[in-house]
Amino acid sequence: MSKKDHSTSSAIGMSPLELTDAYTSFNDGNYQPARAITKVTDQEGKVFYKWKDRSKEIWNKGTVAKMRQLLHETTLSGTARKAYFPTDYVGGKTGTTNDVKDMWFVGLSEKRRCRDGTFLVCRYP
């Protein structure tokens, strides 16, 4: 982690990008690094550079199903209830720093399965 990452999520040892990136593997069990820029093209669409990352299976289907159920239950009756919205699937996890100055939520939804995650932070002075 860089010095600029020493903020809210450093309390859990990860940057927001790292945490969100990790949760995307609970979509289908596969992991592929998150990239802000996936390719560079000219105006005509000629590709100058494209990442060659390949998706890698890191969780089996049974583990993914269990994790998705646990994350979903958190949005139905746990600490992430306020993050619930009616859709095919929504799941997530909340956390706080020891002094409860920072609270976070990371999650995923069925409509955002394309390797997306969400990381929200509320900071209280």
Foldseek 3Di string as FASTA:
>chain_A
DDPVQPDFCVLVPDRPQVVQQVQLCLLAQKHWRDDPDQFDAPPVRHTPDGDPTDIDRDDDPVVSVVVQVVQQVCCVPNPVVVVDDDDPGKGWDKDAHPVRQKIWIKIDGPVRSPSGIDIDMDGHD
